[in-house]
Amino acid sequence: MLSNRSMPQSTVIPCLAYADVNAAADWLCKAFGFAVRVRIGNHRVQLNAGDGCIMLGDEQSEPPGAGSVMVRVEDADSHCARARQHGATILRSPTDHPYGERQYNALDLAGHRWTFSQSIADVAPEEWGGTSVEL
């Protein structure tokens, strides 16, 4: 794949609509610890999220609708506290799951649903009812 400095290297890039992408980017960085990668006028912002990327578009370029974004974090509890401090609506507090993740769910200022996930154990999918698939 050709590399392009204007495009994130992530294979999957969630795109979310916001009425004011610059205000949303600022809030998401403060609340969830992301960092702005690129601003494109007043209609698009790319955010770094660890080794991934999230694209924000204005409501003319990204249709609003249901969906969610999952982001891996180092410490779900402190991340949740930070998000709460900055006004995120916490839907579910950090909870341990049998598949080896500690996760919480939040809504951002535009009502987008986010899941933040901390790996707490290396668990084979078969141990919690999943199925491993070899590629």
N, C-alpha and C. Protein backbone atom coordinates (compact mmCIF):
# COMPACT_ATOMS: atom_id res chain seq x y z
N MET A 1 0.85 -1.17 0.00
CA MET A 1 0.00 0.00 0.00
C MET A 1 0.90 1.24 0.00
N LEU A 2 0.58 2.18 -0.84
CA LEU A 2 1.32 3.44 -0.92
C LEU A 2 1.14 4.24 0.36
N SER A 3 2.23 4.77 0.89
CA SER A 3 2.16 5.60 2.09
C SER A 3 1.85 7.04 1.68
N ASN A 4 1.03 7.71 2.47
CA ASN A 4 0.63 9.09 2.20
C ASN A 4 0.61 9.84 3.52
N ARG A 5 1.47 10.86 3.67
CA ARG A 5 1.55 11.59 4.93
C ARG A 5 0.25 12.30 5.28
N SER A 6 -0.64 12.48 4.33
CA SER A 6 -1.94 13.13 4.59
C SER A 6 -2.98 12.15 5.09
N MET A 7 -2.65 10.87 5.08
CA MET A 7 -3.62 9.83 5.47
C MET A 7 -3.04 9.02 6.62
N PRO A 8 -3.84 8.73 7.65
CA PRO A 8 -3.35 7.89 8.75
C PRO A 8 -2.95 6.51 8.24
N GLN A 9 -2.04 5.87 8.94
CA GLN A 9 -1.57 4.54 8.56
C GLN A 9 -2.52 3.43 9.01
N SER A 10 -3.49 3.75 9.84
CA SER A 10 -4.42 2.74 10.36
C SER A 10 -5.18 2.08 9.21
N THR A 11 -5.44 0.80 9.36
CA THR A 11 -6.23 0.08 8.36
C THR A 11 -7.70 0.42 8.49
N VAL A 12 -8.19 0.54 9.70
CA VAL A 12 -9.58 0.89 9.96
C VAL A 12 -9.61 2.27 10.61
N ILE A 13 -10.39 3.18 10.03
CA ILE A 13 -10.47 4.54 10.56
C ILE A 13 -11.93 4.89 10.75
N PRO A 14 -12.43 4.87 11.98
CA PRO A 14 -13.81 5.29 12.20
C PRO A 14 -13.97 6.78 11.88
N CYS A 15 -15.09 7.13 11.28
CA CYS A 15 -15.40 8.53 10.96
C CYS A 15 -16.70 8.90 11.66
N LEU A 16 -16.65 9.99 12.42
CA LEU A 16 -17.81 10.43 13.20
C LEU A 16 -18.16 11.86 12.84
N ALA A 17 -19.46 12.16 12.82
CA ALA A 17 -19.93 13.50 12.46
C ALA A 17 -20.13 14.35 13.71
N TYR A 18 -19.74 15.62 13.59
CA TYR A 18 -19.93 16.61 14.65
C TYR A 18 -20.32 17.93 14.00
N ALA A 19 -21.15 18.70 14.69
CA ALA A 19 -21.55 20.02 14.19
C ALA A 19 -20.35 20.95 14.11
N ASP A 20 -19.45 20.89 15.09
CA ASP A 20 -18.24 21.73 15.11
C ASP A 20 -17.06 20.80 15.34
N VAL A 21 -16.37 20.41 14.26
CA VAL A 21 -15.31 19.41 14.38
C VAL A 21 -14.13 19.90 15.21
N ASN A 22 -13.82 21.19 15.16
CA ASN A 22 -12.68 21.69 15.93
C ASN A 22 -12.98 21.68 17.43
N ALA A 23 -14.17 22.10 17.82
CA ALA A 23 -14.56 22.04 19.23
C ALA A 23 -14.62 20.58 19.69
N ALA A 24 -15.15 19.71 18.85
CA ALA A 24 -15.23 18.29 19.20
C ALA A 24 -13.83 17.70 19.38
N ALA A 25 -12.92 18.04 18.49
CA ALA A 25 -11.55 17.53 18.59
C ALA A 25 -10.90 17.99 19.89
N ASP A 26 -11.08 19.24 20.23
CA ASP A 26 -10.51 19.76 21.48
C ASP A 26 -11.07 19.01 22.68
N TRP A 27 -12.38 18.81 22.69
CA TRP A 27 -13.02 18.11 23.80
C TRP A 27 -12.56 16.65 23.87
N LEU A 28 -12.52 15.95 22.74
CA LEU A 28 -12.11 14.55 22.71
C LEU A 28 -10.66 14.39 23.19
N CYS A 29 -9.82 15.33 22.84
CA CYS A 29 -8.42 15.28 23.30
C CYS A 29 -8.35 15.46 24.81
N LYS A 30 -9.11 16.41 25.34
CA LYS A 30 -9.11 16.65 26.79
C LYS A 30 -9.74 15.48 27.54
N ALA A 31 -10.89 15.01 27.08
CA ALA A 31 -11.64 13.98 27.80
C ALA A 31 -11.06 12.59 27.64
N PHE A 32 -10.62 12.24 26.44
CA PHE A 32 -10.22 10.87 26.16
C PHE A 32 -8.72 10.72 25.88
N GLY A 33 -7.97 11.82 25.89
CA GLY A 33 -6.52 11.73 25.75
C GLY A 33 -6.01 11.55 24.33
N PHE A 34 -6.82 11.85 23.33
CA PHE A 34 -6.36 11.77 21.94
C PHE A 34 -5.48 12.97 21.62
N ALA A 35 -4.88 12.96 20.44
CA ALA A 35 -4.05 14.08 19.99
C ALA A 35 -4.42 14.40 18.55
N VAL A 36 -4.50 15.68 18.23
CA VAL A 36 -4.80 16.09 16.86
C VAL A 36 -3.62 15.75 15.97
N ARG A 37 -3.91 15.09 14.87
CA ARG A 37 -2.89 14.73 13.87
C ARG A 37 -2.89 15.75 12.74
N VAL A 38 -4.08 16.05 12.20
CA VAL A 38 -4.22 16.97 11.07
C VAL A 38 -5.56 17.69 11.19
N ARG A 39 -5.56 18.98 10.94
CA ARG A 39 -6.82 19.74 10.81
C ARG A 39 -6.95 20.11 9.34
N ILE A 40 -8.15 19.94 8.81
CA ILE A 40 -8.41 20.25 7.41
C ILE A 40 -9.56 21.25 7.38
N GLY A 41 -9.20 22.52 7.26
CA GLY A 41 -10.20 23.58 7.27
C GLY A 41 -11.05 23.49 8.52
N ASN A 42 -12.34 23.78 8.35
CA ASN A 42 -13.30 23.67 9.45
C ASN A 42 -14.22 22.47 9.29
N HIS A 43 -13.82 21.53 8.41
CA HIS A 43 -14.75 20.43 8.14
C HIS A 43 -14.20 19.04 8.46
N ARG A 44 -12.92 18.91 8.80
CA ARG A 44 -12.38 17.57 9.09
C ARG A 44 -11.17 17.68 10.01
N VAL A 45 -11.06 16.74 10.96
CA VAL A 45 -9.91 16.65 11.86
C VAL A 45 -9.55 15.18 12.00
N GLN A 46 -8.26 14.88 11.93
CA GLN A 46 -7.76 13.54 12.20
C GLN A 46 -7.17 13.52 13.59
N LEU A 47 -7.57 12.51 14.39
CA LEU A 47 -7.05 12.37 15.76
C LEU A 47 -6.24 11.10 15.87
N ASN A 48 -5.08 11.18 16.53
CA ASN A 48 -4.32 9.98 16.87
C ASN A 48 -4.90 9.41 18.15
N ALA A 49 -5.05 8.09 18.15
CA ALA A 49 -5.50 7.36 19.33
C ALA A 49 -4.56 6.16 19.46
N GLY A 50 -3.47 6.33 20.18
CA GLY A 50 -2.45 5.28 20.23
C GLY A 50 -1.90 5.06 18.84
N ASP A 51 -1.92 3.80 18.36
CA ASP A 51 -1.44 3.53 17.01
C ASP A 51 -2.58 3.56 15.99
N GLY A 52 -3.75 4.06 16.41
CA GLY A 52 -4.90 4.17 15.51
C GLY A 52 -5.25 5.62 15.24
N CYS A 53 -6.32 5.80 14.50
CA CYS A 53 -6.75 7.15 14.13
C CYS A 53 -8.27 7.20 14.08
N ILE A 54 -8.81 8.36 14.40
CA ILE A 54 -10.24 8.62 14.31
C ILE A 54 -10.42 9.87 13.48
N MET A 55 -11.32 9.84 12.53
CA MET A 55 -11.60 10.97 11.66
C MET A 55 -12.89 11.64 12.11
N LEU A 56 -12.84 12.96 12.25
CA LEU A 56 -14.04 13.73 12.56
C LEU A 56 -14.40 14.54 11.33
N GLY A 57 -15.67 14.51 10.96
CA GLY A 57 -16.13 15.30 9.82
C GLY A 57 -17.34 16.12 10.21
N ASP A 58 -17.54 17.22 9.48
CA ASP A 58 -18.74 18.00 9.76
C ASP A 58 -19.95 17.22 9.28
N GLU A 59 -21.12 17.66 9.68
CA GLU A 59 -22.33 16.89 9.38
C GLU A 59 -22.69 16.90 7.90
N GLN A 60 -22.02 17.73 7.10
CA GLN A 60 -22.23 17.69 5.65
C GLN A 60 -21.38 16.59 5.01
N SER A 61 -20.20 16.30 5.58
CA SER A 61 -19.32 15.29 4.99
C SER A 61 -19.48 13.91 5.62
N GLU A 62 -19.97 13.85 6.85
CA GLU A 62 -20.19 12.57 7.55
C GLU A 62 -21.63 12.53 8.05
N PRO A 63 -22.44 11.64 7.51
CA PRO A 63 -23.82 11.59 7.98
C PRO A 63 -23.90 11.14 9.43
N PRO A 64 -24.66 11.86 10.27
CA PRO A 64 -24.81 11.44 11.66
C PRO A 64 -25.60 10.14 11.73
N GLY A 65 -25.33 9.34 12.73
CA GLY A 65 -26.07 8.09 12.88
C GLY A 65 -25.49 7.25 13.99
N ALA A 66 -26.06 6.09 14.13
CA ALA A 66 -25.63 5.18 15.20
C ALA A 66 -24.26 4.61 14.88
N GLY A 67 -23.61 4.17 15.89
CA GLY A 67 -22.30 3.55 15.74
C GLY A 67 -21.50 3.78 17.00
N SER A 68 -20.37 3.13 17.06
CA SER A 68 -19.51 3.32 18.21
C SER A 68 -18.06 3.12 17.79
N VAL A 69 -17.18 3.51 18.66
CA VAL A 69 -15.76 3.37 18.44
C VAL A 69 -15.18 2.68 19.67
N MET A 70 -14.30 1.69 19.45
CA MET A 70 -13.58 1.06 20.55
C MET A 70 -12.13 1.49 20.50
N VAL A 71 -11.60 1.88 21.66
CA VAL A 71 -10.23 2.34 21.77
C VAL A 71 -9.57 1.58 22.91
N ARG A 72 -8.38 1.03 22.64
CA ARG A 72 -7.63 0.33 23.69
C ARG A 72 -6.87 1.36 24.52
N VAL A 73 -6.91 1.18 25.85
CA VAL A 73 -6.22 2.09 26.77
C VAL A 73 -5.40 1.26 27.77
N GLU A 74 -4.45 1.92 28.42
CA GLU A 74 -3.60 1.26 29.41
C GLU A 74 -4.31 1.05 30.75
N ASP A 75 -5.14 2.01 31.16
CA ASP A 75 -5.77 1.97 32.48
C ASP A 75 -7.21 2.49 32.36
N ALA A 76 -8.16 1.57 32.31
CA ALA A 76 -9.56 1.95 32.10
C ALA A 76 -10.10 2.82 33.24
N ASP A 77 -9.67 2.56 34.47
CA ASP A 77 -10.18 3.32 35.60
C ASP A 77 -9.76 4.78 35.56
N SER A 78 -8.47 5.03 35.36
CA SER A 78 -8.03 6.43 35.31
C SER A 78 -8.54 7.12 34.05
N HIS A 79 -8.66 6.38 32.96
CA HIS A 79 -9.20 6.95 31.72
C HIS A 79 -10.65 7.36 31.92
N CYS A 80 -11.42 6.51 32.60
CA CYS A 80 -12.83 6.80 32.88
C CYS A 80 -12.94 8.04 33.78
N ALA A 81 -12.09 8.13 34.79
CA ALA A 81 -12.13 9.29 35.68
C ALA A 81 -11.85 10.57 34.91
N ARG A 82 -10.89 10.52 34.01
CA ARG A 82 -10.56 11.70 33.18
C ARG A 82 -11.75 12.09 32.31
N ALA A 83 -12.35 11.09 31.67
CA ALA A 83 -13.50 11.36 30.79
C ALA A 83 -14.65 11.97 31.59
N ARG A 84 -14.93 11.40 32.76
CA ARG A 84 -16.00 11.92 33.62
C ARG A 84 -15.71 13.37 34.03
N GLN A 85 -14.47 13.65 34.37
CA GLN A 85 -14.06 15.00 34.79
C GLN A 85 -14.33 16.03 33.69
N HIS A 86 -14.23 15.60 32.45
CA HIS A 86 -14.42 16.52 31.33
C HIS A 86 -15.84 16.47 30.77
N GLY A 87 -16.76 15.83 31.48
CA GLY A 87 -18.16 15.89 31.10
C GLY A 87 -18.69 14.76 30.25
N ALA A 88 -17.90 13.71 30.03
CA ALA A 88 -18.42 12.56 29.29
C ALA A 88 -19.51 11.89 30.12
N THR A 89 -20.53 11.40 29.46
CA THR A 89 -21.57 10.64 30.13
C THR A 89 -21.12 9.19 30.20
N ILE A 90 -20.90 8.69 31.40
CA ILE A 90 -20.45 7.31 31.57
C ILE A 90 -21.67 6.40 31.60
N LEU A 91 -21.78 5.55 30.60
CA LEU A 91 -22.91 4.62 30.51
C LEU A 91 -22.71 3.38 31.36
N ARG A 92 -21.47 2.91 31.40
CA ARG A 92 -21.13 1.75 32.22
C ARG A 92 -19.72 1.96 32.75
N SER A 93 -19.56 1.89 34.05
CA SER A 93 -18.25 2.05 34.68
C SER A 93 -17.34 0.89 34.30
N PRO A 94 -16.02 1.05 34.51
CA PRO A 94 -15.10 -0.05 34.18
C PRO A 94 -15.52 -1.36 34.82
N THR A 95 -15.58 -2.38 33.98
CA THR A 95 -16.04 -3.70 34.38
C THR A 95 -15.13 -4.75 33.76
N ASP A 96 -14.76 -5.77 34.55
CA ASP A 96 -13.95 -6.88 34.04
C ASP A 96 -14.85 -7.86 33.30
N HIS A 97 -14.34 -8.37 32.18
CA HIS A 97 -15.10 -9.32 31.37
C HIS A 97 -14.30 -10.63 31.23
N PRO A 98 -15.00 -11.76 31.04
CA PRO A 98 -14.32 -13.05 30.99
C PRO A 98 -13.37 -13.20 29.80
N TYR A 99 -13.47 -12.33 28.82
CA TYR A 99 -12.58 -12.40 27.66
C TYR A 99 -11.28 -11.62 27.87
N GLY A 100 -11.00 -11.23 29.13
CA GLY A 100 -9.72 -10.64 29.46
C GLY A 100 -9.61 -9.14 29.27
N GLU A 101 -10.75 -8.46 29.22
CA GLU A 101 -10.75 -7.01 29.05
C GLU A 101 -11.50 -6.33 30.19
N ARG A 102 -11.04 -5.17 30.59
CA ARG A 102 -11.74 -4.29 31.52
C ARG A 102 -12.21 -3.12 30.67
N GLN A 103 -13.53 -2.91 30.59
CA GLN A 103 -14.08 -1.93 29.66
C GLN A 103 -15.07 -1.00 30.34
N TYR A 104 -15.18 0.22 29.78
CA TYR A 104 -16.26 1.12 30.16
C TYR A 104 -16.82 1.75 28.90
N ASN A 105 -18.06 2.23 29.01
CA ASN A 105 -18.73 2.87 27.89
C ASN A 105 -19.07 4.30 28.24
N ALA A 106 -18.94 5.19 27.26
CA ALA A 106 -19.21 6.61 27.47
C ALA A 106 -19.86 7.20 26.23
N LEU A 107 -20.60 8.28 26.46
CA LEU A 107 -21.11 9.10 25.36
C LEU A 107 -20.32 10.40 25.33
N ASP A 108 -20.00 10.86 24.12
CA ASP A 108 -19.29 12.13 24.00
C ASP A 108 -20.29 13.27 23.87
N LEU A 109 -19.79 14.47 23.61
CA LEU A 109 -20.63 15.66 23.59
C LEU A 109 -21.66 15.65 22.47
N ALA A 110 -21.49 14.80 21.45
CA ALA A 110 -22.46 14.71 20.36
C ALA A 110 -23.31 13.46 20.45
N GLY A 111 -23.13 12.67 21.50
CA GLY A 111 -23.93 11.46 21.68
C GLY A 111 -23.35 10.22 21.04
N HIS A 112 -22.10 10.28 20.54
CA HIS A 112 -21.45 9.08 20.01
C HIS A 112 -21.06 8.16 21.16
N ARG A 113 -21.23 6.87 20.94
CA ARG A 113 -20.90 5.87 21.97
C ARG A 113 -19.46 5.41 21.78
N TRP A 114 -18.72 5.38 22.88
CA TRP A 114 -17.33 4.95 22.90
C TRP A 114 -17.17 3.81 23.90
N THR A 115 -16.36 2.81 23.55
CA THR A 115 -15.96 1.76 24.47
C THR A 115 -14.45 1.86 24.62
N PHE A 116 -13.98 1.96 25.86
CA PHE A 116 -12.56 2.00 26.15
C PHE A 116 -12.20 0.70 26.83
N SER A 117 -11.17 0.01 26.31
CA SER A 117 -10.88 -1.36 26.72
C SER A 117 -9.42 -1.51 27.14
N GLN A 118 -9.23 -2.08 28.34
CA GLN A 118 -7.91 -2.37 28.89
C GLN A 118 -7.75 -3.89 28.94
N SER A 119 -6.68 -4.42 28.32
CA SER A 119 -6.40 -5.85 28.42
C SER A 119 -5.89 -6.16 29.81
N ILE A 120 -6.53 -7.14 30.46
CA ILE A 120 -6.12 -7.51 31.82
C ILE A 120 -5.67 -8.97 31.90
N ALA A 121 -5.87 -9.73 30.84
CA ALA A 121 -5.44 -11.13 30.82
C ALA A 121 -5.39 -11.61 29.38
N ASP A 122 -4.54 -12.59 29.13
CA ASP A 122 -4.48 -13.24 27.82
C ASP A 122 -5.36 -14.48 27.91
N VAL A 123 -6.54 -14.41 27.31
CA VAL A 123 -7.53 -15.47 27.43
C VAL A 123 -7.85 -16.04 26.05
N ALA A 124 -7.76 -17.35 25.90
CA ALA A 124 -8.14 -17.99 24.65
C ALA A 124 -9.64 -17.82 24.43
N PRO A 125 -10.06 -17.50 23.22
CA PRO A 125 -11.50 -17.32 22.96
C PRO A 125 -12.36 -18.50 23.41
N GLU A 126 -11.84 -19.70 23.32
CA GLU A 126 -12.61 -20.87 23.72
C GLU A 126 -12.94 -20.88 25.21
N GLU A 127 -12.16 -20.16 26.02
CA GLU A 127 -12.40 -20.11 27.47
C GLU A 127 -13.65 -19.32 27.83
N TRP A 128 -14.14 -18.47 26.95
CA TRP A 128 -15.34 -17.67 27.26
C TRP A 128 -16.46 -17.88 26.23
N GLY A 129 -16.31 -18.89 25.37
CA GLY A 129 -17.37 -19.21 24.43
C GLY A 129 -17.12 -18.75 23.01
N GLY A 130 -15.95 -18.18 22.75
CA GLY A 130 -15.60 -17.78 21.39
C GLY A 130 -14.96 -18.92 20.62
N THR A 131 -14.61 -18.66 19.39
CA THR A 131 -13.96 -19.64 18.53
C THR A 131 -12.76 -18.99 17.87
N SER A 132 -11.60 -19.59 17.99
CA SER A 132 -10.40 -19.10 17.31
C SER A 132 -10.49 -19.45 15.83
N VAL A 133 -10.07 -18.52 15.00
CA VAL A 133 -10.07 -18.75 13.56
C VAL A 133 -8.65 -18.48 13.07
N GLU A 134 -8.07 -19.44 12.39
CA GLU A 134 -6.73 -19.24 11.84
C GLU A 134 -6.86 -18.62 10.46
N LEU A 135 -6.06 -17.58 10.22
CA LEU A 135 -6.08 -16.90 8.93
C LEU A 135 -4.95 -17.38 8.06
